[in-house]
N, C-alpha and C. Protein backbone atom coordinates (compact mmCIF):
# COMPACT_ATOMS: atom_id res chain seq x y z
N MET A 1 -3.60 9.47 -12.88
CA MET A 1 -2.50 8.10 -13.09
C MET A 1 -2.14 7.11 -11.24
N MET A 2 -1.60 6.35 -11.71
CA MET A 2 -2.27 5.38 -10.41
C MET A 2 -0.13 5.73 -9.59
N ASN A 3 0.29 5.82 -10.14
CA ASN A 3 2.00 6.28 -10.03
C ASN A 3 1.31 7.82 -8.84
N ASP A 4 0.84 8.85 -9.99
CA ASP A 4 0.19 9.82 -9.16
C ASP A 4 0.12 9.65 -7.85
N LEU A 5 -1.14 9.02 -7.87
CA LEU A 5 -1.96 8.88 -6.29
C LEU A 5 -0.88 8.02 -5.36
N SER A 6 -0.12 6.77 -6.01
CA SER A 6 0.79 6.37 -4.32
C SER A 6 1.74 6.70 -5.06
N ARG A 7 2.49 8.71 -4.91
CA ARG A 7 3.48 8.98 -4.41
C ARG A 7 2.67 9.95 -3.70
N ILE A 8 1.84 10.05 -3.91
CA ILE A 8 0.70 11.13 -2.81
C ILE A 8 0.58 10.84 -1.46
N ILE A 9 0.00 8.86 -1.75
CA ILE A 9 -0.63 8.72 -0.57
C ILE A 9 0.74 8.07 0.56
N TRP A 10 2.29 7.94 -0.40
CA TRP A 10 2.87 7.39 0.41
C TRP A 10 4.09 8.85 0.47
N LEU A 11 4.21 9.93 0.68
CA LEU A 11 4.49 11.17 0.75
C LEU A 11 3.55 11.88 1.50
N PHE A 12 2.47 11.85 1.98
CA PHE A 12 1.58 11.79 3.05
C PHE A 12 1.57 11.46 4.30
N SER A 13 1.47 9.62 4.52
CA SER A 13 1.27 9.12 5.16
C SER A 13 1.51 8.30 5.90
N VAL A 14 2.43 7.98 5.27
CA VAL A 14 3.43 6.27 5.32
C VAL A 14 4.29 6.72 5.50
N CYS A 15 5.12 6.92 4.49
CA CYS A 15 7.41 7.72 4.22
C CYS A 15 7.68 8.18 4.09
N PRO A 16 7.63 9.26 4.51
CA PRO A 16 8.37 10.94 3.60
C PRO A 16 9.71 10.59 3.29
N ASP A 17 10.27 10.04 3.56
CA ASP A 17 12.02 9.23 3.22
C ASP A 17 12.43 8.91 2.97
N ALA A 18 11.53 7.57 2.33
CA ALA A 18 11.89 6.08 1.00
C ALA A 18 13.13 5.84 1.08
N LYS A 19 13.89 4.68 1.87
CA LYS A 19 15.54 5.03 1.40
C LYS A 19 15.45 3.54 0.57
N LYS A 20 14.34 2.88 0.58
CA LYS A 20 14.51 2.07 -0.38
C LYS A 20 13.08 1.53 -1.20
N ALA A 21 12.50 1.60 -2.91
CA ALA A 21 12.33 0.87 -3.62
C ALA A 21 11.93 0.10 -4.06
N ALA A 22 10.26 -0.62 -4.57
CA ALA A 22 10.10 -1.66 -5.08
C ALA A 22 9.63 -1.10 -6.84
N PHE A 23 9.66 -2.26 -7.88
CA PHE A 23 9.70 -1.64 -9.30
C PHE A 23 8.35 -2.65 -9.19
N SER A 24 8.17 -2.44 -10.30
CA SER A 24 7.45 -3.72 -11.08
C SER A 24 6.51 -3.41 -12.19
N ASN A 25 6.29 -3.65 -13.57
CA ASN A 25 5.63 -3.62 -14.73
C ASN A 25 4.61 -3.49 -14.35
N GLY A 26 3.78 -2.15 -14.82
CA GLY A 26 1.91 -1.77 -14.47
C GLY A 26 1.97 -3.20 -15.04
N MET A 27 1.61 -3.72 -16.32
CA MET A 27 1.26 -4.79 -17.07
C MET A 27 1.16 -6.60 -16.59
N VAL A 28 1.92 -6.71 -15.15
CA VAL A 28 2.14 -7.73 -15.33
C VAL A 28 2.36 -7.61 -13.48
N PHE A 29 1.11 -7.78 -13.23
CA PHE A 29 0.50 -7.66 -11.25
C PHE A 29 1.08 -8.75 -10.10
N ALA A 30 1.35 -10.03 -11.49
CA ALA A 30 2.09 -11.25 -10.65
C ALA A 30 2.80 -10.63 -9.78
N ASP A 31 3.96 -9.73 -10.45
CA ASP A 31 5.23 -9.36 -10.22
C ASP A 31 5.00 -8.90 -8.70
N ALA A 32 4.23 -7.56 -8.61
CA ALA A 32 4.42 -6.43 -8.05
C ALA A 32 3.48 -7.72 -6.41
N LEU A 33 2.54 -8.26 -6.82
CA LEU A 33 1.70 -8.91 -5.74
C LEU A 33 2.34 -10.37 -5.19
N SER A 34 3.29 -10.74 -6.01
CA SER A 34 4.47 -11.99 -5.47
C SER A 34 5.46 -10.96 -4.91
N GLY A 35 6.20 -10.00 -5.01
CA GLY A 35 6.34 -8.76 -3.90
C GLY A 35 6.48 -8.28 -2.63
N SER A 36 4.53 -8.18 -3.05
CA SER A 36 3.52 -7.08 -1.76
C SER A 36 4.46 -6.81 -0.29
N LYS A 37 4.34 -8.41 0.19
CA LYS A 37 4.72 -9.10 1.37
C LYS A 37 6.18 -8.24 1.71
N PHE A 38 7.10 -8.49 0.93
CA PHE A 38 8.61 -8.15 0.79
C PHE A 38 8.56 -6.82 1.42
N ALA A 39 8.15 -5.75 0.37
CA ALA A 39 8.20 -4.67 0.49
C ALA A 39 7.06 -3.79 1.65
N PHE A 40 6.08 -4.48 2.08
CA PHE A 40 5.28 -4.30 2.83
C PHE A 40 6.73 -4.28 4.85
N THR A 41 7.14 -6.07 5.21
CA THR A 41 7.54 -5.67 5.76
C THR A 41 8.96 -4.60 5.53
N ASN A 42 9.14 -4.21 5.19
CA ASN A 42 10.84 -3.27 4.56
C ASN A 42 10.15 -1.71 4.58
N ASN A 43 9.32 -1.75 4.54
CA ASN A 43 8.89 -0.25 4.60
C ASN A 43 9.14 0.37 3.22
N MET A 44 8.53 -0.20 1.71
CA MET A 44 8.88 0.94 0.66
C MET A 44 8.08 0.87 0.05
N PRO A 45 7.28 1.59 -0.63
CA PRO A 45 6.23 1.65 -2.12
C PRO A 45 7.38 0.79 -2.92
N ILE A 46 5.59 0.23 -3.78
CA ILE A 46 6.22 -0.15 -5.11
C ILE A 46 5.39 0.58 -5.86
N PHE A 47 6.48 1.21 -6.70
CA PHE A 47 6.15 1.94 -8.18
C PHE A 47 5.42 1.00 -9.71
N LEU A 48 4.80 1.31 -10.18
CA LEU A 48 4.32 0.58 -11.03
C LEU A 48 5.38 2.02 -12.67
N VAL A 49 6.08 0.58 -13.48
CA VAL A 49 6.79 0.98 -14.62
C VAL A 49 5.96 0.57 -15.56
N LYS A 50 6.56 1.42 -16.60
CA LYS A 50 6.74 0.17 -17.90
C LYS A 50 7.83 -0.60 -18.18
N LYS A 51 7.54 -1.19 -19.37
CA LYS A 51 8.49 -1.82 -19.29
C LYS A 51 9.99 -1.29 -19.65
N ASP A 52 10.18 -0.51 -19.90
CA ASP A 52 11.14 0.56 -20.65
C ASP A 52 11.87 1.71 -20.07
N CYS A 53 10.65 1.98 -19.44
CA CYS A 53 11.03 3.88 -18.36
C CYS A 53 10.01 3.84 -17.58
N VAL A 54 10.94 5.06 -16.48
CA VAL A 54 9.98 5.13 -15.11
C VAL A 54 9.73 6.54 -15.20
N PRO A 55 8.54 7.02 -14.66
CA PRO A 55 7.78 7.62 -15.42
C PRO A 55 8.74 9.07 -14.31
N GLU A 56 7.57 9.96 -15.12
CA GLU A 56 8.60 10.88 -14.42
C GLU A 56 8.24 11.09 -12.62
N SER A 57 6.49 11.96 -12.70
CA SER A 57 6.45 11.40 -11.42
C SER A 57 7.35 10.53 -10.23
N VAL A 58 7.10 9.34 -10.42
CA VAL A 58 8.82 8.27 -9.65
C VAL A 58 9.56 8.88 -9.91
N SER A 59 10.47 9.75 -11.12
CA SER A 59 11.22 10.02 -10.31
C SER A 59 12.34 10.81 -10.02
N SER A 60 11.08 12.05 -9.65
CA SER A 60 11.35 12.97 -9.34
C SER A 60 10.81 12.33 -7.40
N PHE A 61 10.01 12.24 -7.58
CA PHE A 61 9.35 11.67 -6.20
C PHE A 61 11.32 10.37 -5.52
N LEU A 62 12.04 9.74 -6.14
CA LEU A 62 12.94 9.06 -5.72
C LEU A 62 14.12 9.52 -5.20
N SER A 63 13.78 11.51 -5.87
CA SER A 63 15.59 12.23 -5.43
C SER A 63 14.89 12.71 -4.41
N VAL A 64 13.50 13.40 -4.79
CA VAL A 64 13.00 14.46 -3.06
C VAL A 64 13.77 13.38 -2.01
N ALA A 65 12.75 11.94 -1.98
CA ALA A 65 13.71 11.69 -0.76
C ALA A 65 14.24 10.78 -0.64
N ASN A 66 15.90 10.91 -1.57
CA ASN A 66 16.42 10.01 -1.59
C ASN A 66 17.01 9.23 -1.31
N THR A 67 16.15 7.96 -2.06
CA THR A 67 16.28 6.67 -2.24
C THR A 67 17.29 5.97 -2.97
N ARG A 68 17.79 4.86 -2.24
CA ARG A 68 19.39 4.51 -3.09
C ARG A 68 19.43 3.04 -2.95
N ASP A 69 18.49 2.01 -2.09
CA ASP A 69 17.85 0.36 -2.75
C ASP A 69 16.72 0.23 -3.99
N PHE A 70 17.27 0.13 -4.19
CA PHE A 70 15.64 -0.47 -5.33
C PHE A 70 15.86 -2.26 -5.97
N TYR A 71 14.88 -2.59 -4.77
CA TYR A 71 14.22 -3.60 -5.82
C TYR A 71 13.62 -3.43 -7.42
N LEU A 72 13.48 -5.00 -7.86
CA LEU A 72 13.17 -4.95 -9.45
C LEU A 72 11.74 -6.47 -9.38
N TYR A 73 10.96 -6.24 -9.34
CA TYR A 73 9.85 -7.61 -9.93
C TYR A 73 9.82 -7.83 -10.75
N GLY A 74 10.06 -9.05 -11.11
CA GLY A 74 9.90 -9.88 -13.10
C GLY A 74 11.47 -9.27 -13.51
N GLY A 75 11.10 -10.41 -14.62
CA GLY A 75 12.64 -10.31 -15.57
C GLY A 75 12.69 -9.52 -16.52
N GLU A 76 13.62 -8.70 -17.74
CA GLU A 76 14.39 -8.35 -18.39
C GLU A 76 13.00 -8.63 -19.51
N GLY A 77 11.61 -9.87 -19.35
CA GLY A 77 11.07 -9.32 -20.50
C GLY A 77 10.49 -8.33 -19.45
N THR A 78 9.94 -8.46 -18.66
CA THR A 78 9.15 -7.76 -18.27
C THR A 78 9.69 -5.72 -17.50
N ILE A 79 10.74 -5.59 -17.12
CA ILE A 79 11.10 -4.88 -17.23
C ILE A 79 12.77 -5.10 -17.63
N ALA A 80 12.98 -3.57 -18.12
CA ALA A 80 14.71 -4.12 -19.43
C ALA A 80 15.70 -3.49 -18.35
N PRO A 81 16.88 -3.41 -18.92
CA PRO A 81 17.77 -3.22 -18.15
C PRO A 81 17.53 -1.80 -17.42
N ILE A 82 17.65 -1.27 -19.17
CA ILE A 82 17.46 0.72 -18.70
C ILE A 82 16.79 0.99 -17.86
N VAL A 83 16.25 0.37 -17.74
CA VAL A 83 14.73 1.66 -16.09
C VAL A 83 16.11 0.23 -14.44
N ALA A 84 16.29 -0.40 -14.55
CA ALA A 84 17.63 -0.32 -13.77
C ALA A 84 18.48 0.61 -13.55
N GLU A 85 19.38 0.55 -14.77
CA GLU A 85 20.19 2.31 -14.74
C GLU A 85 20.06 3.17 -14.74
N SER A 86 18.60 3.03 -15.19
CA SER A 86 18.64 4.64 -15.06
C SER A 86 17.99 4.99 -13.62
N LEU A 87 17.96 3.99 -13.13
CA LEU A 87 17.38 4.46 -11.80
C LEU A 87 18.80 4.41 -10.39
N LEU A 88 19.73 3.98 -11.33
CA LEU A 88 21.18 4.15 -10.84
C LEU A 88 21.96 5.53 -11.18
N LYS A 89 21.40 6.26 -11.80
CA LYS A 89 22.23 7.51 -12.31
C LYS A 89 21.58 7.84 -11.15
C-alpha cells in the first residue's frame, strides 16, 4: 500500500517527528498535486486517504510523530468531515 511506503520513507529519511501533515483523497490526485509545493515548503508528508477514513498505518504514524497540525486538500466531496474529526481525536 502506498501509505505504508510513504510512512516508511518519511520515518527513516525525511523527518521522523513531523508536526504537520497533509491529507488528500487518493482517488483525486489533482488535490494532492496542487498542495504538494506547500507541503514540501513546510516539510510535511502528504498522506492519501479514502473519502471517509484514515488508514491505520497513517494513524499510527501520526501518533508516533505526535503530529498536531493537519491540512486537508480537497472539499467535503473528496474528504468527508469524519476524516477531519478523526484526526483531531
